[in-house]
Amino acid sequence: MGFAHIPAIDQPERHIRIHIRRFDPERDREPRWVTYEIPWVRSMTVMQALEWLWDHGEYVAFRQNCREFTCGSCAMVINGKAGLACDTRVEDGMRIEPLS
């Protein structure tokens, strides 16, 4: 798997923290929040942040398909509201979790 295409990620404007609700039935009794520090550029989407984590060994489960805001397969709860990962800009302190 190659690196996600994020313009100027090799020169991030800063680093931010995002919080992802994770659950591994082989290790966890219940879902848990995990905080990640990631490089940030202004145009970065939640999808690109998740791809960056994957490319760096944090295998977070998520769906992707069209990347053009039409199919809805990347829908998740972002800061308490349903949204598309491909169409939502990532921001510091963001909370990301699966749809219920």
N, C-alpha and C. Protein backbone atom coordinates (compact mmCIF):
# COMPACT_ATOMS: atom_id res chain seq x y z
N MET A 1 0.85 -1.17 0.00
CA MET A 1 0.00 0.00 0.00
C MET A 1 0.90 1.23 0.00
N GLY A 2 0.58 2.20 -0.85
CA GLY A 2 1.36 3.43 -0.92
C GLY A 2 0.84 4.48 0.03
N PHE A 3 1.55 5.56 0.11
CA PHE A 3 1.15 6.65 0.98
C PHE A 3 -0.01 7.42 0.38
N ALA A 4 -0.90 7.88 1.24
CA ALA A 4 -2.04 8.68 0.80
C ALA A 4 -1.53 9.98 0.18
N HIS A 5 -2.21 10.45 -0.85
CA HIS A 5 -1.80 11.70 -1.48
C HIS A 5 -2.35 12.88 -0.68
N ILE A 6 -1.47 13.55 0.03
CA ILE A 6 -1.83 14.73 0.77
C ILE A 6 -0.82 15.80 0.39
N PRO A 7 -1.25 16.84 -0.29
CA PRO A 7 -0.30 17.87 -0.72
C PRO A 7 0.51 18.41 0.44
N ALA A 8 1.80 18.47 0.27
CA ALA A 8 2.74 19.08 1.22
C ALA A 8 2.78 18.41 2.59
N ILE A 9 2.40 17.12 2.66
CA ILE A 9 2.43 16.45 3.96
C ILE A 9 3.86 16.30 4.47
N ASP A 10 4.84 16.34 3.57
CA ASP A 10 6.23 16.27 4.01
C ASP A 10 6.66 17.56 4.70
N GLN A 11 5.86 18.60 4.56
CA GLN A 11 6.10 19.87 5.25
C GLN A 11 4.80 20.32 5.91
N PRO A 12 4.36 19.59 6.96
CA PRO A 12 3.08 19.95 7.58
C PRO A 12 3.13 21.33 8.22
N GLU A 13 1.97 21.97 8.26
CA GLU A 13 1.88 23.28 8.91
C GLU A 13 2.05 23.14 10.42
N ARG A 14 1.60 22.00 10.94
CA ARG A 14 1.74 21.69 12.36
C ARG A 14 1.31 20.24 12.57
N HIS A 15 1.33 19.79 13.80
CA HIS A 15 0.81 18.48 14.16
C HIS A 15 -0.43 18.67 15.02
N ILE A 16 -1.39 17.78 14.84
CA ILE A 16 -2.62 17.86 15.62
C ILE A 16 -2.89 16.49 16.25
N ARG A 17 -3.85 16.47 17.16
CA ARG A 17 -4.28 15.22 17.77
C ARG A 17 -5.72 14.94 17.36
N ILE A 18 -5.96 13.68 17.02
CA ILE A 18 -7.32 13.23 16.74
C ILE A 18 -7.60 12.04 17.66
N HIS A 19 -8.87 11.85 17.99
CA HIS A 19 -9.28 10.79 18.89
C HIS A 19 -10.19 9.84 18.11
N ILE A 20 -9.83 8.55 18.10
CA ILE A 20 -10.57 7.56 17.34
C ILE A 20 -11.08 6.49 18.29
N ARG A 21 -12.35 6.18 18.16
CA ARG A 21 -12.94 5.13 18.99
C ARG A 21 -12.66 3.79 18.32
N ARG A 22 -11.94 2.92 19.04
CA ARG A 22 -11.47 1.64 18.49
C ARG A 22 -12.03 0.48 19.28
N PHE A 23 -12.13 -0.65 18.61
CA PHE A 23 -12.54 -1.87 19.29
C PHE A 23 -11.95 -3.07 18.56
N ASP A 24 -11.21 -3.88 19.29
CA ASP A 24 -10.66 -5.13 18.77
C ASP A 24 -11.22 -6.24 19.65
N PRO A 25 -12.15 -7.05 19.14
CA PRO A 25 -12.80 -8.05 19.98
C PRO A 25 -11.83 -9.07 20.57
N GLU A 26 -10.65 -9.21 19.99
CA GLU A 26 -9.66 -10.15 20.52
C GLU A 26 -8.89 -9.56 21.70
N ARG A 27 -8.89 -8.23 21.85
CA ARG A 27 -8.14 -7.59 22.93
C ARG A 27 -8.98 -6.76 23.88
N ASP A 28 -10.07 -6.22 23.40
CA ASP A 28 -10.84 -5.25 24.18
C ASP A 28 -12.15 -5.84 24.69
N ARG A 29 -12.53 -5.44 25.90
CA ARG A 29 -13.82 -5.83 26.44
C ARG A 29 -14.92 -4.88 25.95
N GLU A 30 -14.53 -3.64 25.67
CA GLU A 30 -15.46 -2.62 25.18
C GLU A 30 -14.68 -1.61 24.35
N PRO A 31 -15.38 -0.79 23.56
CA PRO A 31 -14.68 0.22 22.75
C PRO A 31 -13.87 1.17 23.63
N ARG A 32 -12.80 1.70 23.05
CA ARG A 32 -11.93 2.62 23.78
C ARG A 32 -11.51 3.75 22.84
N TRP A 33 -11.19 4.89 23.44
CA TRP A 33 -10.70 6.04 22.67
C TRP A 33 -9.17 5.99 22.64
N VAL A 34 -8.61 6.18 21.44
CA VAL A 34 -7.17 6.23 21.26
C VAL A 34 -6.84 7.57 20.61
N THR A 35 -5.84 8.24 21.14
CA THR A 35 -5.43 9.54 20.61
C THR A 35 -4.18 9.36 19.74
N TYR A 36 -4.21 9.99 18.57
CA TYR A 36 -3.09 9.94 17.64
C TYR A 36 -2.63 11.35 17.33
N GLU A 37 -1.33 11.51 17.20
CA GLU A 37 -0.77 12.79 16.74
C GLU A 37 -0.37 12.59 15.29
N ILE A 38 -0.88 13.48 14.44
CA ILE A 38 -0.65 13.36 13.01
C ILE A 38 -0.19 14.70 12.44
N PRO A 39 0.53 14.68 11.31
CA PRO A 39 0.86 15.94 10.63
C PRO A 39 -0.41 16.52 10.02
N TRP A 40 -0.47 17.83 9.94
CA TRP A 40 -1.68 18.49 9.45
C TRP A 40 -1.33 19.53 8.39
N VAL A 41 -2.12 19.51 7.32
CA VAL A 41 -2.10 20.58 6.32
C VAL A 41 -3.55 21.02 6.12
N ARG A 42 -3.72 22.24 5.72
CA ARG A 42 -5.04 22.87 5.63
C ARG A 42 -6.07 22.08 4.83
N SER A 43 -5.67 21.42 3.77
CA SER A 43 -6.62 20.74 2.90
C SER A 43 -6.92 19.30 3.32
N MET A 44 -6.34 18.83 4.40
CA MET A 44 -6.43 17.42 4.80
C MET A 44 -7.84 17.04 5.27
N THR A 45 -8.34 15.92 4.74
CA THR A 45 -9.65 15.41 5.13
C THR A 45 -9.50 14.31 6.18
N VAL A 46 -10.62 13.96 6.80
CA VAL A 46 -10.62 12.84 7.75
C VAL A 46 -10.13 11.58 7.04
N MET A 47 -10.58 11.34 5.81
CA MET A 47 -10.15 10.17 5.05
C MET A 47 -8.64 10.15 4.90
N GLN A 48 -8.05 11.27 4.56
CA GLN A 48 -6.61 11.33 4.39
C GLN A 48 -5.88 11.09 5.72
N ALA A 49 -6.45 11.57 6.81
CA ALA A 49 -5.85 11.33 8.12
C ALA A 49 -5.87 9.83 8.44
N LEU A 50 -6.98 9.16 8.15
CA LEU A 50 -7.08 7.72 8.39
C LEU A 50 -6.12 6.95 7.49
N GLU A 51 -5.99 7.38 6.25
CA GLU A 51 -5.04 6.75 5.33
C GLU A 51 -3.61 6.95 5.82
N TRP A 52 -3.31 8.15 6.32
CA TRP A 52 -1.96 8.42 6.84
C TRP A 52 -1.67 7.48 8.02
N LEU A 53 -2.63 7.30 8.91
CA LEU A 53 -2.43 6.37 10.03
C LEU A 53 -2.18 4.96 9.51
N TRP A 54 -2.97 4.51 8.55
CA TRP A 54 -2.81 3.17 7.98
C TRP A 54 -1.40 3.01 7.40
N ASP A 55 -0.99 4.01 6.62
CA ASP A 55 0.33 3.96 5.99
C ASP A 55 1.47 3.95 7.00
N HIS A 56 1.18 4.35 8.23
CA HIS A 56 2.20 4.40 9.27
C HIS A 56 1.97 3.33 10.35
N GLY A 57 1.27 2.25 9.97
CA GLY A 57 1.17 1.09 10.83
C GLY A 57 0.04 1.06 11.84
N GLU A 58 -0.85 2.03 11.81
CA GLU A 58 -2.01 2.03 12.69
C GLU A 58 -3.21 1.59 11.86
N TYR A 59 -3.54 0.32 11.93
CA TYR A 59 -4.54 -0.26 11.05
C TYR A 59 -5.95 -0.04 11.58
N VAL A 60 -6.47 1.13 11.28
CA VAL A 60 -7.81 1.54 11.66
C VAL A 60 -8.76 1.09 10.55
N ALA A 61 -9.84 0.41 10.92
CA ALA A 61 -10.80 -0.05 9.92
C ALA A 61 -11.70 1.11 9.47
N PHE A 62 -11.80 1.28 8.17
CA PHE A 62 -12.70 2.29 7.60
C PHE A 62 -12.98 1.90 6.17
N ARG A 63 -14.06 2.45 5.63
CA ARG A 63 -14.44 2.17 4.24
C ARG A 63 -14.16 3.39 3.38
N GLN A 64 -13.75 3.10 2.15
CA GLN A 64 -13.56 4.16 1.17
C GLN A 64 -13.95 3.61 -0.18
N ASN A 65 -14.43 4.47 -1.04
CA ASN A 65 -14.81 4.00 -2.36
C ASN A 65 -14.61 5.10 -3.39
N CYS A 66 -15.55 6.02 -3.49
CA CYS A 66 -15.51 6.98 -4.60
C CYS A 66 -14.57 8.16 -4.37
N ARG A 67 -14.41 8.60 -3.12
CA ARG A 67 -13.60 9.77 -2.76
C ARG A 67 -14.15 11.06 -3.38
N GLU A 68 -15.37 11.04 -3.83
CA GLU A 68 -15.95 12.22 -4.49
C GLU A 68 -17.29 12.62 -3.90
N PHE A 69 -17.54 12.28 -2.66
CA PHE A 69 -18.72 12.71 -1.91
C PHE A 69 -20.04 12.17 -2.45
N THR A 70 -20.02 11.05 -3.18
CA THR A 70 -21.26 10.57 -3.78
C THR A 70 -21.76 9.24 -3.25
N CYS A 71 -20.88 8.34 -2.84
CA CYS A 71 -21.35 6.99 -2.51
C CYS A 71 -21.78 6.84 -1.05
N GLY A 72 -21.19 7.59 -0.14
CA GLY A 72 -21.56 7.51 1.26
C GLY A 72 -20.93 6.37 2.04
N SER A 73 -20.07 5.57 1.41
CA SER A 73 -19.50 4.42 2.11
C SER A 73 -18.55 4.82 3.23
N CYS A 74 -18.04 6.04 3.21
CA CYS A 74 -17.10 6.48 4.25
C CYS A 74 -17.79 7.23 5.39
N ALA A 75 -19.11 7.12 5.47
CA ALA A 75 -19.84 7.82 6.53
C ALA A 75 -19.43 7.32 7.90
N MET A 76 -19.28 8.23 8.84
CA MET A 76 -18.93 7.91 10.22
C MET A 76 -19.39 9.06 11.10
N VAL A 77 -19.25 8.89 12.39
CA VAL A 77 -19.60 9.96 13.32
C VAL A 77 -18.35 10.79 13.55
N ILE A 78 -18.45 12.06 13.23
CA ILE A 78 -17.33 12.99 13.35
C ILE A 78 -17.76 14.12 14.26
N ASN A 79 -17.12 14.21 15.41
CA ASN A 79 -17.49 15.21 16.42
C ASN A 79 -18.98 15.14 16.76
N GLY A 80 -19.49 13.91 16.89
CA GLY A 80 -20.86 13.72 17.34
C GLY A 80 -21.93 13.77 16.27
N LYS A 81 -21.55 14.03 15.01
CA LYS A 81 -22.52 14.12 13.93
C LYS A 81 -22.10 13.23 12.78
N ALA A 82 -23.07 12.65 12.09
CA ALA A 82 -22.76 11.82 10.92
C ALA A 82 -22.17 12.70 9.83
N GLY A 83 -21.14 12.20 9.17
CA GLY A 83 -20.51 12.94 8.08
C GLY A 83 -19.68 12.02 7.21
N LEU A 84 -19.27 12.52 6.07
CA LEU A 84 -18.43 11.77 5.16
C LEU A 84 -16.96 12.07 5.44
N ALA A 85 -16.17 11.03 5.60
CA ALA A 85 -14.74 11.21 5.88
C ALA A 85 -14.02 11.87 4.70
N CYS A 86 -14.50 11.61 3.48
CA CYS A 86 -13.85 12.18 2.30
C CYS A 86 -14.17 13.66 2.09
N ASP A 87 -15.18 14.16 2.81
CA ASP A 87 -15.63 15.54 2.58
C ASP A 87 -15.48 16.42 3.83
N THR A 88 -14.92 15.88 4.90
CA THR A 88 -14.81 16.63 6.16
C THR A 88 -13.35 16.93 6.43
N ARG A 89 -13.04 18.19 6.61
CA ARG A 89 -11.66 18.59 6.93
C ARG A 89 -11.33 18.16 8.35
N VAL A 90 -10.14 17.60 8.53
CA VAL A 90 -9.71 17.16 9.85
C VAL A 90 -9.27 18.39 10.65
N GLU A 91 -9.52 18.36 11.96
CA GLU A 91 -9.14 19.48 12.82
C GLU A 91 -8.64 18.96 14.16
N ASP A 92 -7.90 19.77 14.84
CA ASP A 92 -7.31 19.39 16.12
C ASP A 92 -8.40 19.02 17.12
N GLY A 93 -8.20 17.90 17.81
CA GLY A 93 -9.13 17.46 18.83
C GLY A 93 -10.35 16.73 18.31
N MET A 94 -10.41 16.49 17.02
CA MET A 94 -11.57 15.84 16.41
C MET A 94 -11.77 14.44 16.98
N ARG A 95 -13.05 14.05 17.14
CA ARG A 95 -13.41 12.72 17.62
C ARG A 95 -14.09 11.97 16.48
N ILE A 96 -13.56 10.79 16.18
CA ILE A 96 -14.01 10.00 15.04
C ILE A 96 -14.42 8.62 15.54
N GLU A 97 -15.63 8.19 15.12
CA GLU A 97 -16.11 6.87 15.54
C GLU A 97 -17.05 6.31 14.47
N PRO A 98 -17.29 4.99 14.53
CA PRO A 98 -18.20 4.40 13.54
C PRO A 98 -19.64 4.85 13.77
N LEU A 99 -20.43 4.73 12.71
CA LEU A 99 -21.88 4.95 12.87
C LEU A 99 -22.42 3.87 13.79
N SER A 100 -23.49 4.17 14.51
CA SER A 100 -24.08 3.17 15.42
C SER A 100 -24.87 2.14 14.64
